[in-house]
């Protein structure tokens, strides 16, 4: 995934935390809307304004974004 990004990944702010719970709590404190890319959802990405103050969570192909992020999104 990083290889296919061709360096553009280094232009995005990255957040490193101990676990998903800590990450979700920090994003909430900072006023970010948690958006999770998931194959099964109640709504589609184009139904929501994703212009500002979002944190986009993308999981890996095998495991997805994780239960904690999906529940908090």
N, C-alpha and C. Protein backbone atom coordinates (compact mmCIF):
# COMPACT_ATOMS: atom_id res chain seq x y z
N UNK A 1 0.82 -1.19 0.00
CA UNK A 1 0.00 0.00 0.00
C UNK A 1 0.86 1.25 0.00
N UNK A 2 1.87 1.30 0.83
CA UNK A 2 2.72 2.47 0.89
C UNK A 2 3.45 2.65 -0.43
N UNK A 3 3.90 1.57 -1.02
CA UNK A 3 4.60 1.66 -2.29
C UNK A 3 3.71 2.28 -3.37
N UNK A 4 2.46 1.89 -3.42
CA UNK A 4 1.56 2.41 -4.44
C UNK A 4 1.21 3.87 -4.23
N UNK A 5 1.43 4.39 -3.03
CA UNK A 5 1.13 5.80 -2.75
C UNK A 5 2.18 6.74 -3.34
N UNK A 6 3.31 6.22 -3.74
CA UNK A 6 4.36 6.99 -4.41
C UNK A 6 4.78 8.25 -3.67
N UNK A 7 4.94 8.16 -2.38
CA UNK A 7 5.42 9.30 -1.61
C UNK A 7 4.35 10.25 -1.13
N UNK A 8 3.16 10.18 -1.67
CA UNK A 8 2.12 11.11 -1.24
C UNK A 8 1.66 10.82 0.19
N UNK A 9 1.90 9.61 0.66
CA UNK A 9 1.52 9.27 2.04
C UNK A 9 2.28 10.14 3.04
N UNK A 10 3.45 10.61 2.68
CA UNK A 10 4.25 11.43 3.58
C UNK A 10 3.72 12.85 3.70
N UNK A 11 2.77 13.22 2.89
CA UNK A 11 2.16 14.55 2.96
C UNK A 11 0.96 14.60 3.88
N UNK A 12 0.50 13.47 4.36
CA UNK A 12 -0.67 13.40 5.23
C UNK A 12 -0.24 13.32 6.69
N UNK A 13 -0.99 13.99 7.57
CA UNK A 13 -0.66 13.87 8.99
C UNK A 13 -0.97 12.47 9.49
N UNK A 14 -0.04 11.88 10.21
CA UNK A 14 -0.22 10.53 10.74
C UNK A 14 -0.28 10.60 12.26
N UNK A 15 -1.06 9.72 12.85
CA UNK A 15 -1.23 9.66 14.29
C UNK A 15 -0.85 8.26 14.76
N UNK A 16 0.06 8.17 15.71
CA UNK A 16 0.47 6.89 16.27
C UNK A 16 0.02 6.82 17.72
N UNK A 17 -0.77 5.81 18.05
CA UNK A 17 -1.27 5.61 19.41
C UNK A 17 -1.12 4.15 19.79
N UNK A 18 -1.46 3.85 21.03
CA UNK A 18 -1.33 2.48 21.54
C UNK A 18 -2.41 1.54 21.00
N UNK A 19 -3.63 2.05 20.86
CA UNK A 19 -4.72 1.19 20.39
C UNK A 19 -5.84 2.03 19.77
N UNK A 20 -6.82 1.35 19.21
CA UNK A 20 -7.91 2.01 18.51
C UNK A 20 -8.76 2.85 19.46
N UNK A 21 -8.96 2.39 20.67
CA UNK A 21 -9.75 3.13 21.65
C UNK A 21 -9.13 4.49 21.94
N UNK A 22 -7.83 4.51 22.16
CA UNK A 22 -7.12 5.77 22.42
C UNK A 22 -7.22 6.69 21.21
N UNK A 23 -7.05 6.14 20.04
CA UNK A 23 -7.13 6.93 18.81
C UNK A 23 -8.50 7.56 18.66
N UNK A 24 -9.55 6.77 18.80
CA UNK A 24 -10.92 7.28 18.66
C UNK A 24 -11.21 8.36 19.68
N UNK A 25 -10.75 8.18 20.92
CA UNK A 25 -10.97 9.18 21.96
C UNK A 25 -10.25 10.49 21.65
N UNK A 26 -9.01 10.41 21.19
CA UNK A 26 -8.27 11.62 20.83
C UNK A 26 -8.94 12.35 19.68
N UNK A 27 -9.36 11.62 18.68
CA UNK A 27 -10.03 12.25 17.53
C UNK A 27 -11.30 12.95 17.96
N UNK A 28 -12.03 12.35 18.89
CA UNK A 28 -13.24 12.97 19.41
C UNK A 28 -12.92 14.26 20.16
N UNK A 29 -11.89 14.22 20.99
CA UNK A 29 -11.46 15.42 21.73
C UNK A 29 -11.07 16.54 20.77
N UNK A 30 -10.41 16.19 19.68
CA UNK A 30 -9.96 17.17 18.69
C UNK A 30 -11.07 17.60 17.73
N UNK A 31 -12.28 17.08 17.90
CA UNK A 31 -13.41 17.49 17.08
C UNK A 31 -13.41 16.92 15.68
N UNK A 32 -12.76 15.80 15.49
CA UNK A 32 -12.72 15.15 14.18
C UNK A 32 -13.87 14.16 14.04
N UNK A 33 -14.47 14.13 12.87
CA UNK A 33 -15.50 13.15 12.57
C UNK A 33 -14.79 11.87 12.11
N UNK A 34 -15.09 10.77 12.77
CA UNK A 34 -14.46 9.50 12.44
C UNK A 34 -15.20 8.86 11.28
N UNK A 35 -14.48 8.65 10.19
CA UNK A 35 -15.04 8.03 8.99
C UNK A 35 -14.26 6.76 8.72
N UNK A 36 -14.98 5.65 8.60
CA UNK A 36 -14.34 4.35 8.42
C UNK A 36 -14.74 3.76 7.07
N UNK A 37 -13.75 3.35 6.30
CA UNK A 37 -14.01 2.66 5.05
C UNK A 37 -14.31 1.20 5.38
N UNK A 38 -15.52 0.77 5.08
CA UNK A 38 -15.94 -0.60 5.39
C UNK A 38 -16.82 -1.12 4.26
N UNK A 39 -16.73 -2.41 3.98
CA UNK A 39 -17.53 -2.96 2.88
C UNK A 39 -19.03 -3.01 3.17
N UNK A 40 -19.41 -3.07 4.45
CA UNK A 40 -20.82 -3.15 4.83
C UNK A 40 -21.13 -1.98 5.75
N UNK A 41 -22.11 -1.18 5.37
CA UNK A 41 -22.43 0.02 6.14
C UNK A 41 -23.89 0.38 5.96
N UNK A 42 -24.39 1.23 6.86
CA UNK A 42 -25.75 1.72 6.73
C UNK A 42 -25.86 2.87 5.74
N UNK A 43 -24.72 3.45 5.37
CA UNK A 43 -24.74 4.57 4.44
C UNK A 43 -23.49 4.55 3.57
N UNK A 44 -23.52 5.35 2.53
CA UNK A 44 -22.41 5.44 1.59
C UNK A 44 -21.65 6.74 1.79
N UNK A 45 -20.38 6.75 1.38
CA UNK A 45 -19.53 7.93 1.58
C UNK A 45 -20.09 9.18 0.92
N UNK A 46 -20.73 9.03 -0.22
CA UNK A 46 -21.22 10.21 -0.94
C UNK A 46 -22.48 10.81 -0.30
N UNK A 47 -23.01 10.19 0.73
CA UNK A 47 -24.18 10.72 1.43
C UNK A 47 -23.79 11.69 2.55
N UNK A 48 -22.49 11.86 2.79
CA UNK A 48 -22.01 12.69 3.89
C UNK A 48 -20.99 13.71 3.39
N UNK A 49 -21.00 14.91 3.97
CA UNK A 49 -19.98 15.89 3.60
C UNK A 49 -18.63 15.51 4.23
N UNK A 50 -17.68 15.17 3.43
CA UNK A 50 -16.36 14.74 3.92
C UNK A 50 -15.30 15.76 3.54
N UNK A 51 -15.58 17.02 3.82
CA UNK A 51 -14.70 18.09 3.38
C UNK A 51 -13.69 18.49 4.45
N UNK A 52 -14.15 18.64 5.68
CA UNK A 52 -13.26 19.15 6.73
C UNK A 52 -13.43 18.37 8.02
N UNK A 53 -12.37 18.42 8.82
CA UNK A 53 -12.37 17.85 10.16
C UNK A 53 -12.80 16.39 10.21
N UNK A 54 -12.24 15.59 9.30
CA UNK A 54 -12.52 14.16 9.35
C UNK A 54 -11.21 13.40 9.58
N UNK A 55 -11.36 12.23 10.13
CA UNK A 55 -10.24 11.28 10.25
C UNK A 55 -10.69 10.04 9.50
N UNK A 56 -10.01 9.73 8.42
CA UNK A 56 -10.37 8.59 7.59
C UNK A 56 -9.59 7.37 8.03
N UNK A 57 -10.30 6.32 8.41
CA UNK A 57 -9.68 5.06 8.85
C UNK A 57 -9.89 4.04 7.74
N UNK A 58 -8.76 3.50 7.27
CA UNK A 58 -8.80 2.46 6.24
C UNK A 58 -8.04 1.27 6.77
N UNK A 59 -8.70 0.15 6.88
CA UNK A 59 -8.06 -1.06 7.37
C UNK A 59 -7.35 -1.82 6.26
N UNK A 60 -6.78 -2.95 6.65
CA UNK A 60 -6.12 -3.76 5.63
C UNK A 60 -7.12 -4.68 4.94
N UNK A 61 -6.71 -5.31 3.88
CA UNK A 61 -7.61 -6.12 3.07
C UNK A 61 -8.14 -7.33 3.83
N UNK A 62 -7.33 -7.92 4.66
CA UNK A 62 -7.74 -9.13 5.37
C UNK A 62 -8.60 -8.86 6.60
N UNK A 63 -8.24 -7.83 7.38
CA UNK A 63 -8.92 -7.61 8.65
C UNK A 63 -9.84 -6.42 8.71
N UNK A 64 -9.78 -5.53 7.75
CA UNK A 64 -10.61 -4.33 7.79
C UNK A 64 -10.11 -3.32 8.80
N UNK A 65 -10.95 -2.36 9.12
CA UNK A 65 -10.58 -1.26 10.01
C UNK A 65 -10.64 -1.63 11.48
N UNK A 66 -11.34 -2.65 11.83
CA UNK A 66 -11.43 -3.07 13.23
C UNK A 66 -12.73 -2.67 13.86
N UNK A 67 -13.18 -3.51 14.77
CA UNK A 67 -14.47 -3.35 15.42
C UNK A 67 -14.61 -2.04 16.19
N UNK A 68 -13.56 -1.64 16.90
CA UNK A 68 -13.62 -0.42 17.70
C UNK A 68 -13.89 0.80 16.83
N UNK A 69 -13.18 0.93 15.73
CA UNK A 69 -13.39 2.09 14.84
C UNK A 69 -14.78 2.06 14.23
N UNK A 70 -15.22 0.91 13.80
CA UNK A 70 -16.54 0.80 13.16
C UNK A 70 -17.64 1.17 14.16
N UNK A 71 -17.52 0.73 15.41
CA UNK A 71 -18.53 1.05 16.42
C UNK A 71 -18.56 2.53 16.75
N UNK A 72 -17.41 3.19 16.74
CA UNK A 72 -17.33 4.59 17.12
C UNK A 72 -17.59 5.56 15.97
N UNK A 73 -17.59 5.05 14.76
CA UNK A 73 -17.81 5.92 13.59
C UNK A 73 -19.27 6.29 13.46
